Amino acid sequence: MMKLKTALLIASLLPLVGCIPTIKKQWDVQPVQGSVIDAETGQPVAGATVISRNNPSLIATSDSEGRFVIEEQTHVGVHLLMAASAMTHQVWQVSHPDYENGIGRTSTFIPPLSRKLSTPLIPLFQQLPDSPEGCPDFGYLMRLGEWKRHHDQDMRFVETEDCVNPEAQEALYELWFAEHEDG
C-alpha cells in the first residue's frame, strides 16, 4: 500500500515540475535519406561509406545515384513529456577511396516524439587544405563553406566537438557566418 501511495504522490507532483508521464512512440534513430556528390562536377558518388560518429552502428553506403539511407528505429514506452525541448545533433563521417573525408550533420528535437526525416547533401572534395592541430575537420569545413557560398546552398554549419583550436574556430565562423558582400 505504501508503494502505491508513493507512486501516486510522485505522479501527482510530476506535472508541477513540468513533466507528464505518457506512453508514446519514441524515435531512437531518426530516418536519414541523404546524398553524396562530387563537389567539382555535382555528379553522384557511389560507394561512399557514411557512418555516425555518435553511434558507429549506424552505417550506410551510397548507391549508384549517390543516395544513402539510415532506417528509423522506434520503440513504444513510458516517457516523461517536458514542457521544453532542445536539439541534438548527429555528425556523419563520409569516406570514399577517391576523395578526402567529408562530414555532414543532422539535427532533431529531443525528446524525439515525432518522425523527422533528414536529407543532407554531402559534397566530397578531391583535395583539402591542411587542418591545424586541434581541429581535424577544418580543411573540409573551409572548402565546404566556400562551396556553399559559390553554389548558393542553404546549409547549416557542421559544428563538431573535435575542433578545440580557437583560431581555427574563429576562421570557420568568419567564413560560415559572414554577411554576403553582394549587397
N, C-alpha and C. Protein backbone atom coordinates (compact mmCIF):
# COMPACT_ATOMS: atom_id res chain seq x y z
N MET A 1 0.82 -1.20 0.00
CA MET A 1 0.00 0.00 0.00
C MET A 1 0.87 1.26 0.00
N MET A 2 1.99 1.17 0.72
CA MET A 2 2.88 2.33 0.80
C MET A 2 3.49 2.66 -0.57
N LYS A 3 3.84 1.60 -1.35
CA LYS A 3 4.40 1.81 -2.68
C LYS A 3 3.39 2.49 -3.60
N LEU A 4 2.11 2.13 -3.49
CA LEU A 4 1.07 2.73 -4.30
C LEU A 4 0.91 4.21 -3.96
N LYS A 5 0.93 4.53 -2.66
CA LYS A 5 0.82 5.94 -2.24
C LYS A 5 2.01 6.75 -2.75
N THR A 6 3.20 6.16 -2.66
CA THR A 6 4.39 6.85 -3.14
C THR A 6 4.32 7.09 -4.64
N ALA A 7 3.89 6.08 -5.38
CA ALA A 7 3.77 6.23 -6.84
C ALA A 7 2.74 7.29 -7.19
N LEU A 8 1.61 7.30 -6.50
CA LEU A 8 0.58 8.32 -6.76
C LEU A 8 1.08 9.71 -6.41
N LEU A 9 1.83 9.83 -5.32
CA LEU A 9 2.38 11.13 -4.93
C LEU A 9 3.35 11.63 -6.01
N ILE A 10 4.24 10.75 -6.46
CA ILE A 10 5.20 11.15 -7.50
C ILE A 10 4.48 11.53 -8.78
N ALA A 11 3.49 10.72 -9.19
CA ALA A 11 2.74 11.00 -10.41
C ALA A 11 1.99 12.31 -10.31
N SER A 12 1.50 12.64 -9.13
CA SER A 12 0.76 13.90 -8.98
C SER A 12 1.69 15.10 -8.94
N LEU A 13 2.95 14.92 -8.54
CA LEU A 13 3.90 16.04 -8.48
C LEU A 13 4.61 16.30 -9.80
N LEU A 14 4.70 15.30 -10.67
CA LEU A 14 5.41 15.48 -11.94
C LEU A 14 4.87 16.64 -12.78
N PRO A 15 3.55 16.83 -12.91
CA PRO A 15 3.08 17.98 -13.69
C PRO A 15 3.54 19.32 -13.10
N LEU A 16 3.78 19.36 -11.80
CA LEU A 16 4.23 20.60 -11.18
C LEU A 16 5.66 20.95 -11.58
N VAL A 17 6.46 19.96 -11.90
CA VAL A 17 7.83 20.22 -12.32
C VAL A 17 7.96 20.22 -13.84
N GLY A 18 6.86 20.16 -14.54
CA GLY A 18 6.86 20.27 -15.99
C GLY A 18 6.96 18.95 -16.73
N CYS A 19 6.81 17.83 -16.05
CA CYS A 19 6.90 16.52 -16.70
C CYS A 19 5.58 15.78 -16.56
N ILE A 20 5.14 15.21 -17.65
CA ILE A 20 3.90 14.45 -17.65
C ILE A 20 4.22 13.05 -18.16
N PRO A 21 3.95 12.01 -17.35
CA PRO A 21 4.21 10.65 -17.85
C PRO A 21 3.19 10.27 -18.92
N THR A 22 3.67 9.61 -19.96
CA THR A 22 2.79 9.19 -21.04
C THR A 22 3.38 7.95 -21.73
N ILE A 23 2.54 7.21 -22.40
CA ILE A 23 3.01 6.09 -23.21
C ILE A 23 2.96 6.55 -24.66
N LYS A 24 4.13 6.63 -25.29
CA LYS A 24 4.22 7.16 -26.66
C LYS A 24 5.30 6.42 -27.43
N LYS A 25 5.23 6.58 -28.73
CA LYS A 25 6.29 6.10 -29.62
C LYS A 25 7.43 7.11 -29.55
N GLN A 26 8.65 6.61 -29.48
CA GLN A 26 9.81 7.49 -29.47
C GLN A 26 10.80 7.00 -30.52
N TRP A 27 11.46 7.94 -31.19
CA TRP A 27 12.43 7.61 -32.23
C TRP A 27 13.81 7.54 -31.59
N ASP A 28 14.37 6.34 -31.57
CA ASP A 28 15.74 6.16 -31.09
C ASP A 28 16.72 6.62 -32.16
N VAL A 29 16.35 6.41 -33.43
CA VAL A 29 17.13 6.87 -34.58
C VAL A 29 16.15 7.47 -35.58
N GLN A 30 16.37 8.74 -35.91
CA GLN A 30 15.54 9.39 -36.91
C GLN A 30 15.97 8.93 -38.31
N PRO A 31 15.05 8.89 -39.28
CA PRO A 31 15.42 8.46 -40.62
C PRO A 31 16.26 9.52 -41.35
N VAL A 32 17.22 9.02 -42.13
CA VAL A 32 18.08 9.90 -42.92
C VAL A 32 18.09 9.36 -44.35
N GLN A 33 17.83 10.25 -45.31
CA GLN A 33 17.93 9.91 -46.73
C GLN A 33 18.77 11.00 -47.39
N GLY A 34 20.07 10.78 -47.41
CA GLY A 34 20.98 11.80 -47.90
C GLY A 34 21.59 11.47 -49.24
N SER A 35 22.42 12.40 -49.72
CA SER A 35 23.11 12.23 -51.00
C SER A 35 24.56 12.65 -50.85
N VAL A 36 25.43 11.92 -51.53
CA VAL A 36 26.86 12.24 -51.58
C VAL A 36 27.18 12.58 -53.03
N ILE A 37 27.81 13.76 -53.23
CA ILE A 37 28.14 14.20 -54.59
C ILE A 37 29.60 14.61 -54.69
N ASP A 38 30.10 14.63 -55.90
CA ASP A 38 31.41 15.18 -56.19
C ASP A 38 31.26 16.70 -56.20
N ALA A 39 32.02 17.39 -55.38
CA ALA A 39 31.87 18.85 -55.26
C ALA A 39 32.19 19.58 -56.55
N GLU A 40 33.12 19.08 -57.35
CA GLU A 40 33.50 19.74 -58.60
C GLU A 40 32.46 19.57 -59.68
N THR A 41 31.98 18.34 -59.88
CA THR A 41 31.11 18.04 -61.01
C THR A 41 29.63 18.01 -60.66
N GLY A 42 29.32 17.82 -59.38
CA GLY A 42 27.92 17.68 -58.96
C GLY A 42 27.37 16.28 -59.21
N GLN A 43 28.22 15.39 -59.73
CA GLN A 43 27.79 14.02 -60.02
C GLN A 43 27.71 13.20 -58.74
N PRO A 44 26.79 12.22 -58.70
CA PRO A 44 26.67 11.37 -57.51
C PRO A 44 27.94 10.55 -57.29
N VAL A 45 28.23 10.27 -56.03
CA VAL A 45 29.37 9.44 -55.66
C VAL A 45 28.83 8.13 -55.11
N ALA A 46 29.06 7.06 -55.87
CA ALA A 46 28.63 5.72 -55.43
C ALA A 46 29.72 5.10 -54.56
N GLY A 47 29.31 4.28 -53.62
CA GLY A 47 30.26 3.54 -52.80
C GLY A 47 30.87 4.32 -51.65
N ALA A 48 30.32 5.48 -51.32
CA ALA A 48 30.81 6.24 -50.16
C ALA A 48 30.24 5.61 -48.88
N THR A 49 31.06 5.50 -47.87
CA THR A 49 30.63 4.97 -46.58
C THR A 49 30.24 6.14 -45.69
N VAL A 50 29.04 6.06 -45.13
CA VAL A 50 28.52 7.09 -44.24
C VAL A 50 28.31 6.44 -42.88
N ILE A 51 28.98 6.97 -41.85
CA ILE A 51 28.91 6.36 -40.53
C ILE A 51 28.72 7.46 -39.47
N SER A 52 27.91 7.17 -38.49
CA SER A 52 27.65 8.12 -37.42
C SER A 52 28.83 8.15 -36.46
N ARG A 53 29.31 9.34 -36.15
CA ARG A 53 30.38 9.47 -35.16
C ARG A 53 29.83 9.19 -33.75
N ASN A 54 28.54 9.51 -33.54
CA ASN A 54 27.93 9.32 -32.23
C ASN A 54 27.58 7.86 -31.98
N ASN A 55 27.25 7.13 -33.04
CA ASN A 55 26.77 5.76 -32.91
C ASN A 55 27.28 4.96 -34.12
N PRO A 56 28.50 4.41 -34.03
CA PRO A 56 29.11 3.73 -35.19
C PRO A 56 28.32 2.54 -35.73
N SER A 57 27.29 2.09 -35.03
CA SER A 57 26.47 1.01 -35.59
C SER A 57 25.54 1.53 -36.69
N LEU A 58 25.39 2.85 -36.80
CA LEU A 58 24.60 3.46 -37.87
C LEU A 58 25.53 3.71 -39.05
N ILE A 59 25.39 2.90 -40.07
CA ILE A 59 26.31 2.95 -41.21
C ILE A 59 25.53 2.65 -42.49
N ALA A 60 25.91 3.31 -43.56
CA ALA A 60 25.27 3.08 -44.86
C ALA A 60 26.31 3.29 -45.96
N THR A 61 25.99 2.83 -47.16
CA THR A 61 26.83 3.03 -48.34
C THR A 61 25.99 3.69 -49.42
N SER A 62 26.55 4.70 -50.07
CA SER A 62 25.80 5.38 -51.13
C SER A 62 25.67 4.49 -52.35
N ASP A 63 24.50 4.57 -52.99
CA ASP A 63 24.22 3.75 -54.17
C ASP A 63 24.72 4.44 -55.44
N SER A 64 24.35 3.92 -56.61
CA SER A 64 24.82 4.48 -57.88
C SER A 64 24.34 5.90 -58.13
N GLU A 65 23.30 6.31 -57.42
CA GLU A 65 22.80 7.68 -57.52
C GLU A 65 23.33 8.58 -56.40
N GLY A 66 24.27 8.04 -55.61
CA GLY A 66 24.86 8.80 -54.51
C GLY A 66 23.99 8.84 -53.26
N ARG A 67 22.87 8.16 -53.29
CA ARG A 67 21.94 8.20 -52.15
C ARG A 67 22.31 7.17 -51.10
N PHE A 68 22.05 7.51 -49.85
CA PHE A 68 22.22 6.57 -48.75
C PHE A 68 21.03 6.71 -47.81
N VAL A 69 20.73 5.64 -47.08
CA VAL A 69 19.56 5.63 -46.20
C VAL A 69 19.96 5.05 -44.85
N ILE A 70 19.57 5.74 -43.81
CA ILE A 70 19.67 5.24 -42.44
C ILE A 70 18.23 5.03 -42.00
N GLU A 71 17.87 3.80 -41.72
CA GLU A 71 16.49 3.47 -41.34
C GLU A 71 16.17 3.99 -39.94
N GLU A 72 14.93 4.43 -39.77
CA GLU A 72 14.49 4.87 -38.45
C GLU A 72 14.37 3.68 -37.51
N GLN A 73 14.53 3.95 -36.23
CA GLN A 73 14.35 2.94 -35.19
C GLN A 73 13.48 3.57 -34.11
N THR A 74 12.40 2.86 -33.74
CA THR A 74 11.47 3.40 -32.75
C THR A 74 11.16 2.35 -31.69
N HIS A 75 10.58 2.83 -30.63
CA HIS A 75 10.02 1.94 -29.61
C HIS A 75 8.87 2.67 -28.93
N VAL A 76 7.95 1.90 -28.35
CA VAL A 76 6.85 2.46 -27.58
C VAL A 76 7.16 2.19 -26.12
N GLY A 77 7.02 3.22 -25.31
CA GLY A 77 7.30 3.05 -23.89
C GLY A 77 6.79 4.22 -23.09
N VAL A 78 7.02 4.17 -21.79
CA VAL A 78 6.63 5.25 -20.89
C VAL A 78 7.71 6.31 -20.95
N HIS A 79 7.30 7.53 -21.26
CA HIS A 79 8.22 8.65 -21.36
C HIS A 79 7.68 9.82 -20.56
N LEU A 80 8.57 10.65 -20.09
CA LEU A 80 8.17 11.87 -19.41
C LEU A 80 8.19 13.00 -20.43
N LEU A 81 7.03 13.58 -20.69
CA LEU A 81 6.95 14.72 -21.59
C LEU A 81 7.34 15.97 -20.82
N MET A 82 8.19 16.78 -21.42
CA MET A 82 8.65 18.00 -20.77
C MET A 82 8.05 19.20 -21.49
N ALA A 83 7.91 20.27 -20.74
CA ALA A 83 7.37 21.49 -21.32
C ALA A 83 8.35 22.11 -22.32
N ALA A 84 9.63 21.85 -22.15
CA ALA A 84 10.65 22.42 -23.04
C ALA A 84 11.31 21.30 -23.83
N SER A 85 11.97 21.69 -24.89
CA SER A 85 12.72 20.72 -25.67
C SER A 85 14.06 21.34 -26.06
N ALA A 86 14.89 20.55 -26.67
CA ALA A 86 16.21 21.01 -27.11
C ALA A 86 16.53 20.31 -28.43
N MET A 87 17.68 20.62 -28.98
CA MET A 87 18.13 19.98 -30.21
C MET A 87 19.31 19.06 -29.89
N THR A 88 19.36 17.96 -30.60
CA THR A 88 20.51 17.08 -30.55
C THR A 88 21.00 16.91 -31.98
N HIS A 89 22.28 16.65 -32.13
CA HIS A 89 22.87 16.58 -33.46
C HIS A 89 23.58 15.24 -33.67
N GLN A 90 23.58 14.81 -34.90
CA GLN A 90 24.27 13.59 -35.31
C GLN A 90 25.29 14.01 -36.36
N VAL A 91 26.56 13.70 -36.14
CA VAL A 91 27.61 14.02 -37.11
C VAL A 91 27.93 12.75 -37.88
N TRP A 92 27.94 12.87 -39.21
CA TRP A 92 28.17 11.74 -40.11
C TRP A 92 29.52 11.88 -40.78
N GLN A 93 30.36 10.88 -40.64
CA GLN A 93 31.66 10.82 -41.31
C GLN A 93 31.46 10.13 -42.65
N VAL A 94 31.95 10.73 -43.73
CA VAL A 94 31.78 10.17 -45.07
C VAL A 94 33.16 9.91 -45.66
N SER A 95 33.37 8.68 -46.12
CA SER A 95 34.67 8.35 -46.70
C SER A 95 34.48 7.61 -48.04
N HIS A 96 35.44 7.80 -48.91
CA HIS A 96 35.48 7.16 -50.22
C HIS A 96 36.94 7.15 -50.64
N PRO A 97 37.42 6.07 -51.26
CA PRO A 97 38.85 5.99 -51.60
C PRO A 97 39.33 7.06 -52.59
N ASP A 98 38.44 7.63 -53.38
CA ASP A 98 38.86 8.63 -54.38
C ASP A 98 38.76 10.07 -53.87
N TYR A 99 38.33 10.27 -52.63
CA TYR A 99 38.10 11.61 -52.10
C TYR A 99 38.66 11.73 -50.69
N GLU A 100 38.83 12.98 -50.30
CA GLU A 100 39.14 13.26 -48.90
C GLU A 100 37.87 13.03 -48.08
N ASN A 101 38.02 12.74 -46.79
CA ASN A 101 36.86 12.52 -45.94
C ASN A 101 36.01 13.78 -45.80
N GLY A 102 34.71 13.57 -45.74
CA GLY A 102 33.77 14.67 -45.53
C GLY A 102 32.92 14.39 -44.30
N ILE A 103 32.16 15.40 -43.91
CA ILE A 103 31.24 15.23 -42.78
C ILE A 103 29.92 15.93 -43.10
N GLY A 104 28.88 15.48 -42.44
CA GLY A 104 27.57 16.10 -42.54
C GLY A 104 26.94 16.08 -41.15
N ARG A 105 25.84 16.79 -41.00
CA ARG A 105 25.18 16.84 -39.70
C ARG A 105 23.68 16.84 -39.89
N THR A 106 23.00 16.09 -39.04
CA THR A 106 21.55 16.13 -38.97
C THR A 106 21.15 16.54 -37.56
N SER A 107 19.98 17.11 -37.42
CA SER A 107 19.51 17.60 -36.12
C SER A 107 18.08 17.12 -35.88
N THR A 108 17.75 16.96 -34.62
CA THR A 108 16.39 16.58 -34.25
C THR A 108 16.08 17.13 -32.87
N PHE A 109 14.79 17.35 -32.61
CA PHE A 109 14.37 17.81 -31.30
C PHE A 109 14.41 16.65 -30.32
N ILE A 110 14.71 16.97 -29.07
CA ILE A 110 14.56 15.99 -28.00
C ILE A 110 13.57 16.53 -27.00
N PRO A 111 12.70 15.72 -26.48
CA PRO A 111 12.58 14.30 -26.74
C PRO A 111 12.03 14.06 -28.15
N PRO A 112 12.54 13.02 -28.84
CA PRO A 112 12.14 12.73 -30.22
C PRO A 112 10.83 11.95 -30.29
N LEU A 113 9.72 12.65 -30.15
CA LEU A 113 8.42 12.00 -30.11
C LEU A 113 7.69 12.07 -31.44
N SER A 114 8.36 12.54 -32.49
CA SER A 114 7.76 12.51 -33.83
C SER A 114 8.86 12.23 -34.84
N ARG A 115 8.45 11.72 -35.98
CA ARG A 115 9.38 11.36 -37.04
C ARG A 115 9.85 12.63 -37.74
N LYS A 116 11.16 12.75 -37.94
CA LYS A 116 11.72 13.90 -38.65
C LYS A 116 12.77 13.38 -39.64
N LEU A 117 12.39 13.34 -40.90
CA LEU A 117 13.30 12.89 -41.95
C LEU A 117 14.35 13.98 -42.22
N SER A 118 15.60 13.58 -42.27
CA SER A 118 16.69 14.49 -42.64
C SER A 118 17.21 14.09 -44.02
N THR A 119 17.54 15.10 -44.84
CA THR A 119 18.01 14.84 -46.20
C THR A 119 19.30 15.62 -46.48
N PRO A 120 20.40 15.26 -45.82
CA PRO A 120 21.63 16.03 -46.02
C PRO A 120 22.25 15.80 -47.40
N LEU A 121 22.86 16.85 -47.92
CA LEU A 121 23.65 16.80 -49.14
C LEU A 121 25.10 16.93 -48.70
N ILE A 122 25.93 15.95 -49.04
CA ILE A 122 27.31 15.95 -48.57
C ILE A 122 28.25 15.91 -49.78
N PRO A 123 28.84 17.07 -50.13
CA PRO A 123 29.80 17.10 -51.23
C PRO A 123 31.16 16.61 -50.76
N LEU A 124 31.84 15.85 -51.61
CA LEU A 124 33.19 15.39 -51.32
C LEU A 124 34.17 16.10 -52.24
N PHE A 125 35.37 16.34 -51.72
CA PHE A 125 36.40 17.07 -52.46
C PHE A 125 37.60 16.16 -52.70
N GLN A 126 38.28 16.39 -53.84
CA GLN A 126 39.49 15.64 -54.17
C GLN A 126 40.65 16.02 -53.25
N GLN A 127 40.75 17.32 -52.95
CA GLN A 127 41.83 17.81 -52.11
C GLN A 127 41.28 18.80 -51.10
N LEU A 128 41.91 18.82 -49.94
CA LEU A 128 41.51 19.73 -48.87
C LEU A 128 42.74 20.47 -48.35
N PRO A 129 42.54 21.70 -47.87
CA PRO A 129 43.66 22.37 -47.20
C PRO A 129 44.00 21.62 -45.91
N ASP A 130 45.23 21.80 -45.45
CA ASP A 130 45.63 21.15 -44.21
C ASP A 130 44.80 21.67 -43.04
N SER A 131 44.57 20.81 -42.09
CA SER A 131 43.85 21.19 -40.87
C SER A 131 44.86 21.46 -39.77
N PRO A 132 44.70 22.59 -39.06
CA PRO A 132 45.63 22.88 -37.98
C PRO A 132 45.42 21.92 -36.81
N GLU A 133 46.41 21.85 -35.95
CA GLU A 133 46.31 20.99 -34.78
C GLU A 133 45.10 21.40 -33.94
N GLY A 134 44.37 20.42 -33.47
CA GLY A 134 43.23 20.69 -32.61
C GLY A 134 41.93 20.94 -33.36
N CYS A 135 41.93 20.78 -34.68
CA CYS A 135 40.71 20.98 -35.46
C CYS A 135 40.76 20.09 -36.70
N PRO A 136 40.55 18.78 -36.52
CA PRO A 136 40.76 17.84 -37.62
C PRO A 136 39.84 18.02 -38.83
N ASP A 137 38.68 18.62 -38.68
CA ASP A 137 37.75 18.79 -39.81
C ASP A 137 37.87 20.16 -40.46
N PHE A 138 38.85 20.95 -40.06
CA PHE A 138 38.99 22.32 -40.54
C PHE A 138 39.07 22.41 -42.07
N GLY A 139 39.94 21.60 -42.69
CA GLY A 139 40.11 21.66 -44.15
C GLY A 139 38.81 21.41 -44.88
N TYR A 140 38.08 20.38 -44.44
CA TYR A 140 36.80 20.08 -45.10
C TYR A 140 35.80 21.22 -44.87
N LEU A 141 35.70 21.70 -43.66
CA LEU A 141 34.70 22.74 -43.36
C LEU A 141 35.01 24.06 -44.08
N MET A 142 36.30 24.37 -44.28
CA MET A 142 36.65 25.57 -45.06
C MET A 142 36.22 25.40 -46.51
N ARG A 143 36.56 24.25 -47.11
CA ARG A 143 36.16 24.01 -48.51
C ARG A 143 34.64 23.97 -48.64
N LEU A 144 33.97 23.35 -47.68
CA LEU A 144 32.51 23.27 -47.72
C LEU A 144 31.88 24.65 -47.61
N GLY A 145 32.42 25.50 -46.75
CA GLY A 145 31.90 26.86 -46.62
C GLY A 145 32.05 27.64 -47.92
N GLU A 146 33.20 27.50 -48.59
CA GLU A 146 33.41 28.16 -49.88
C GLU A 146 32.47 27.59 -50.94
N TRP A 147 32.34 26.27 -50.95
CA TRP A 147 31.45 25.60 -51.91
C TRP A 147 30.01 26.03 -51.69
N LYS A 148 29.59 26.10 -50.45
CA LYS A 148 28.22 26.53 -50.10
C LYS A 148 27.94 27.93 -50.65
N ARG A 149 28.87 28.83 -50.46
CA ARG A 149 28.71 30.21 -50.96
C ARG A 149 28.67 30.25 -52.48
N HIS A 150 29.59 29.54 -53.11
CA HIS A 150 29.69 29.54 -54.57
C HIS A 150 28.45 28.94 -55.22
N HIS A 151 27.86 27.93 -54.61
CA HIS A 151 26.70 27.24 -55.16
C HIS A 151 25.39 27.73 -54.54
N ASP A 152 25.47 28.79 -53.72
CA ASP A 152 24.29 29.39 -53.09
C ASP A 152 23.42 28.32 -52.40
N GLN A 153 24.09 27.46 -51.64
CA GLN A 153 23.40 26.39 -50.92
C GLN A 153 23.04 26.86 -49.52
N ASP A 154 21.86 26.51 -49.08
CA ASP A 154 21.42 26.81 -47.72
C ASP A 154 21.78 25.61 -46.85
N MET A 155 22.96 25.66 -46.27
CA MET A 155 23.45 24.55 -45.44
C MET A 155 23.74 25.07 -44.04
N ARG A 156 23.50 24.22 -43.07
CA ARG A 156 23.84 24.56 -41.70
C ARG A 156 25.31 24.25 -41.45
N PHE A 157 25.92 25.05 -40.61
CA PHE A 157 27.31 24.84 -40.22
C PHE A 157 27.42 23.50 -39.50
N VAL A 158 28.43 22.73 -39.83
CA VAL A 158 28.65 21.43 -39.20
C VAL A 158 29.64 21.64 -38.06
N GLU A 159 29.10 21.94 -36.89
CA GLU A 159 29.95 22.14 -35.73
C GLU A 159 30.23 20.79 -35.09
N THR A 160 31.50 20.53 -34.84
CA THR A 160 31.88 19.28 -34.20
C THR A 160 32.59 19.59 -32.89
N GLU A 161 32.54 18.67 -31.99
CA GLU A 161 33.23 18.83 -30.72
C GLU A 161 34.72 18.59 -30.86
N ASP A 162 35.16 18.14 -32.05
CA ASP A 162 36.56 17.82 -32.27
C ASP A 162 37.45 19.05 -32.43
N CYS A 163 36.86 20.20 -32.77
CA CYS A 163 37.66 21.40 -33.01
C CYS A 163 37.80 22.19 -31.70
N VAL A 164 39.01 22.12 -31.13
CA VAL A 164 39.27 22.83 -29.87
C VAL A 164 40.31 23.93 -30.06
N ASN A 165 40.62 24.26 -31.30
CA ASN A 165 41.59 25.29 -31.64
C ASN A 165 40.83 26.60 -31.84
N PRO A 166 40.99 27.59 -30.93
CA PRO A 166 40.21 28.83 -31.01
C PRO A 166 40.42 29.61 -32.31
N GLU A 167 41.66 29.66 -32.82
CA GLU A 167 41.92 30.39 -34.06
C GLU A 167 41.23 29.73 -35.25
N ALA A 168 41.26 28.40 -35.29
CA ALA A 168 40.59 27.68 -36.37
C ALA A 168 39.08 27.87 -36.28
N GLN A 169 38.54 27.81 -35.07
CA GLN A 169 37.10 28.04 -34.89
C GLN A 169 36.71 29.43 -35.38
N GLU A 170 37.50 30.42 -35.04
CA GLU A 170 37.22 31.80 -35.46
C GLU A 170 37.24 31.92 -36.99
N ALA A 171 38.21 31.30 -37.65
CA ALA A 171 38.29 31.35 -39.12
C ALA A 171 37.07 30.68 -39.74
N LEU A 172 36.63 29.55 -39.18
CA LEU A 172 35.45 28.87 -39.70
C LEU A 172 34.20 29.73 -39.51
N TYR A 173 34.04 30.32 -38.34
CA TYR A 173 32.87 31.16 -38.08
C TYR A 173 32.84 32.37 -39.01
N GLU A 174 34.01 32.97 -39.25
CA GLU A 174 34.07 34.12 -40.16
C GLU A 174 33.61 33.74 -41.56
N LEU A 175 34.03 32.58 -42.04
CA LEU A 175 33.63 32.13 -43.37
C LEU A 175 32.15 31.78 -43.41
N TRP A 176 31.69 31.00 -42.45
CA TRP A 176 30.32 30.48 -42.48
C TRP A 176 29.27 31.52 -42.12
N PHE A 177 29.61 32.47 -41.26
CA PHE A 177 28.59 33.39 -40.76
C PHE A 177 28.80 34.84 -41.19
N ALA A 178 29.74 35.09 -42.10
CA ALA A 178 29.95 36.44 -42.62
C ALA A 178 28.76 36.83 -43.48
N GLU A 179 28.42 38.10 -43.42
CA GLU A 179 27.32 38.62 -44.27
C GLU A 179 27.78 38.60 -45.72
N HIS A 180 26.85 38.31 -46.61
CA HIS A 180 27.20 38.35 -48.04
C HIS A 180 27.59 39.76 -48.44
N GLU A 181 28.68 39.87 -49.18
CA GLU A 181 29.17 41.18 -49.59
C GLU A 181 28.47 41.69 -50.83
N ASP A 182 27.55 40.88 -51.38
CA ASP A 182 26.86 41.27 -52.61
C ASP A 182 25.85 42.38 -52.41
N GLY A 183 25.49 42.63 -51.19
CA GLY A 183 24.51 43.70 -51.02
C GLY A 183 23.46 43.29 -50.15
